Amino acid sequence: MEASKLKNMVILRNLPSNIVEEAIVILKNGKKIEKIQQIEKNRGTEGKKKQIKKEKDYILKEAEMLINNYISDIEKSNELERKKQEINKKNKKFKRYMYISIVIMLIQSILLIIQL
């Protein structure tokens, strides 16, 4: 089986839901998202279709909520990782500055001792 024929899938298990036990999300191939957009569809139904759709909408909204929570958790963890990397960079710069200042202070103190 070729990797190019496989679909990008994410299977979500152990979800905090009373209705949804497992969710399978199939991602589109080669899509780059520049800006998050919300897609809305026109919903025009009548009579029994509305009642059936309301029941289905409840399940769909539950699944949407679970997937949105999962994605937001991933984004939060990515943001935390980025912040940790930033902090590590700042710490490295501070350590370099500290070592350089210590060396300069030692040189100055040696020069002062020699002058006395």
Protein backbone atom coordinates (compact mmCIF):
# COMPACT_ATOMS: atom_id res chain seq x y z
CA MET A 1 0.00 0.00 0.00
CA GLU A 2 1.40 3.37 -1.00
CA ALA A 3 1.53 6.21 1.45
CA SER A 4 0.12 8.62 -1.14
CA LYS A 5 -3.11 6.58 -1.34
CA LEU A 6 -3.65 6.68 2.42
CA LYS A 7 -5.88 9.35 3.87
CA ASN A 8 -4.80 11.57 6.72
CA MET A 9 -6.96 10.33 9.58
CA VAL A 10 -7.19 11.09 13.27
CA ILE A 11 -9.06 8.71 15.57
CA LEU A 12 -10.24 10.20 18.85
CA ARG A 13 -11.00 7.72 21.64
CA ASN A 14 -11.90 7.98 25.32
CA LEU A 15 -13.80 11.20 24.72
CA PRO A 16 -15.60 12.93 27.61
CA SER A 17 -19.06 12.38 26.14
CA ASN A 18 -22.16 10.36 26.93
CA ILE A 19 -23.06 9.93 23.28
CA VAL A 20 -19.86 9.78 21.24
CA GLU A 21 -17.54 6.88 22.00
CA GLU A 22 -15.07 7.30 19.16
CA ALA A 23 -14.61 9.94 16.46
CA ILE A 24 -12.77 9.57 13.17
CA VAL A 25 -11.63 12.78 11.49
CA ILE A 26 -10.42 12.61 7.89
CA LEU A 27 -8.24 15.54 6.86
CA LYS A 28 -7.98 17.00 3.37
CA ASN A 29 -4.73 16.44 1.49
CA GLY A 30 -2.35 19.32 0.81
CA LYS A 31 -4.41 22.09 2.37
CA LYS A 32 -2.62 25.02 3.97
CA ILE A 33 -4.66 27.23 6.28
CA GLU A 34 -3.66 30.88 6.30
CA LYS A 35 -6.62 32.22 8.21
CA ILE A 36 -9.26 30.36 10.21
CA GLN A 37 -12.66 30.73 8.60
CA GLN A 38 -16.04 29.51 9.71
CA ILE A 39 -18.19 27.91 7.04
CA GLU A 40 -21.92 28.29 7.47
CA LYS A 41 -24.60 26.51 5.49
CA ASN A 42 -28.15 27.69 4.94
CA ARG A 43 -30.55 25.58 6.94
CA GLY A 44 -34.07 25.68 5.56
CA THR A 45 -36.29 22.71 6.51
CA GLU A 46 -39.93 22.18 7.39
CA GLY A 47 -42.12 20.00 9.62
CA LYS A 48 -40.82 16.52 10.41
CA LYS A 49 -37.53 17.24 8.73
CA LYS A 50 -36.90 19.90 11.38
CA GLN A 51 -37.56 17.45 14.21
CA ILE A 52 -35.30 14.78 12.66
CA LYS A 53 -32.67 17.37 11.92
CA LYS A 54 -32.79 18.65 15.52
CA GLU A 55 -32.00 15.16 16.80
CA LYS A 56 -29.17 14.80 14.30
CA ASP A 57 -27.97 18.32 15.03
CA TYR A 58 -27.61 17.45 18.71
CA ILE A 59 -25.31 14.55 17.87
CA LEU A 60 -23.41 16.60 15.31
CA LYS A 61 -23.00 19.51 17.71
CA GLU A 62 -21.73 17.11 20.37
CA ALA A 63 -19.17 15.72 17.93
CA GLU A 64 -18.19 19.22 16.76
CA MET A 65 -17.71 20.33 20.35
CA LEU A 66 -15.49 17.33 21.13
CA ILE A 67 -13.35 17.87 18.03
CA ASN A 68 -13.07 21.62 18.69
CA ASN A 69 -11.94 20.92 22.25
CA TYR A 70 -9.38 18.40 21.00
CA ILE A 71 -7.99 20.85 18.43
CA SER A 72 -7.87 23.71 20.94
CA ASP A 73 -5.94 21.46 23.37
CA ILE A 74 -3.41 20.71 20.63
CA GLU A 75 -3.08 24.43 19.80
CA LYS A 76 -2.59 25.27 23.48
CA SER A 77 0.13 22.66 23.84
CA ASN A 78 1.86 24.01 20.71
CA GLU A 79 1.68 27.53 22.13
CA LEU A 80 3.11 26.39 25.46
CA GLU A 81 5.96 24.61 23.67
CA ARG A 82 6.73 27.77 21.69
CA LYS A 83 6.77 29.85 24.89
CA LYS A 84 9.12 27.34 26.54
CA GLN A 85 11.49 27.62 23.59
CA GLU A 86 11.40 31.43 23.84
CA ILE A 87 12.19 31.29 27.55
CA ASN A 88 15.08 28.88 26.93
CA LYS A 89 16.53 31.26 24.32
CA LYS A 90 16.30 34.17 26.77
CA ASN A 91 17.94 32.09 29.50
CA LYS A 92 20.84 31.20 27.20
CA LYS A 93 21.35 34.87 26.28
CA PHE A 94 21.25 35.86 29.94
CA LYS A 95 23.82 33.18 30.85
CA ARG A 96 26.17 34.41 28.12
CA TYR A 97 25.79 37.99 29.33
CA MET A 98 26.43 36.88 32.90
CA TYR A 99 29.60 34.95 32.01
CA ILE A 100 30.95 37.84 29.94
CA SER A 101 30.27 40.33 32.73
CA ILE A 102 31.98 38.05 35.28
CA VAL A 103 35.07 37.79 33.09
CA ILE A 104 35.16 41.57 32.65
CA MET A 105 34.80 42.10 36.42
CA LEU A 106 37.63 39.64 37.11
CA ILE A 107 39.90 41.41 34.62
CA GLN A 108 39.08 44.78 36.19
CA SER A 109 39.71 43.50 39.70
CA ILE A 110 43.07 42.02 38.63
CA LEU A 111 44.04 45.35 37.06
CA LEU A 112 43.08 47.19 40.26
CA ILE A 113 45.15 44.83 42.38
CA ILE A 114 48.15 45.27 40.08
CA GLN A 115 47.89 49.08 40.26
CA LEU A 116 47.95 49.07 44.04
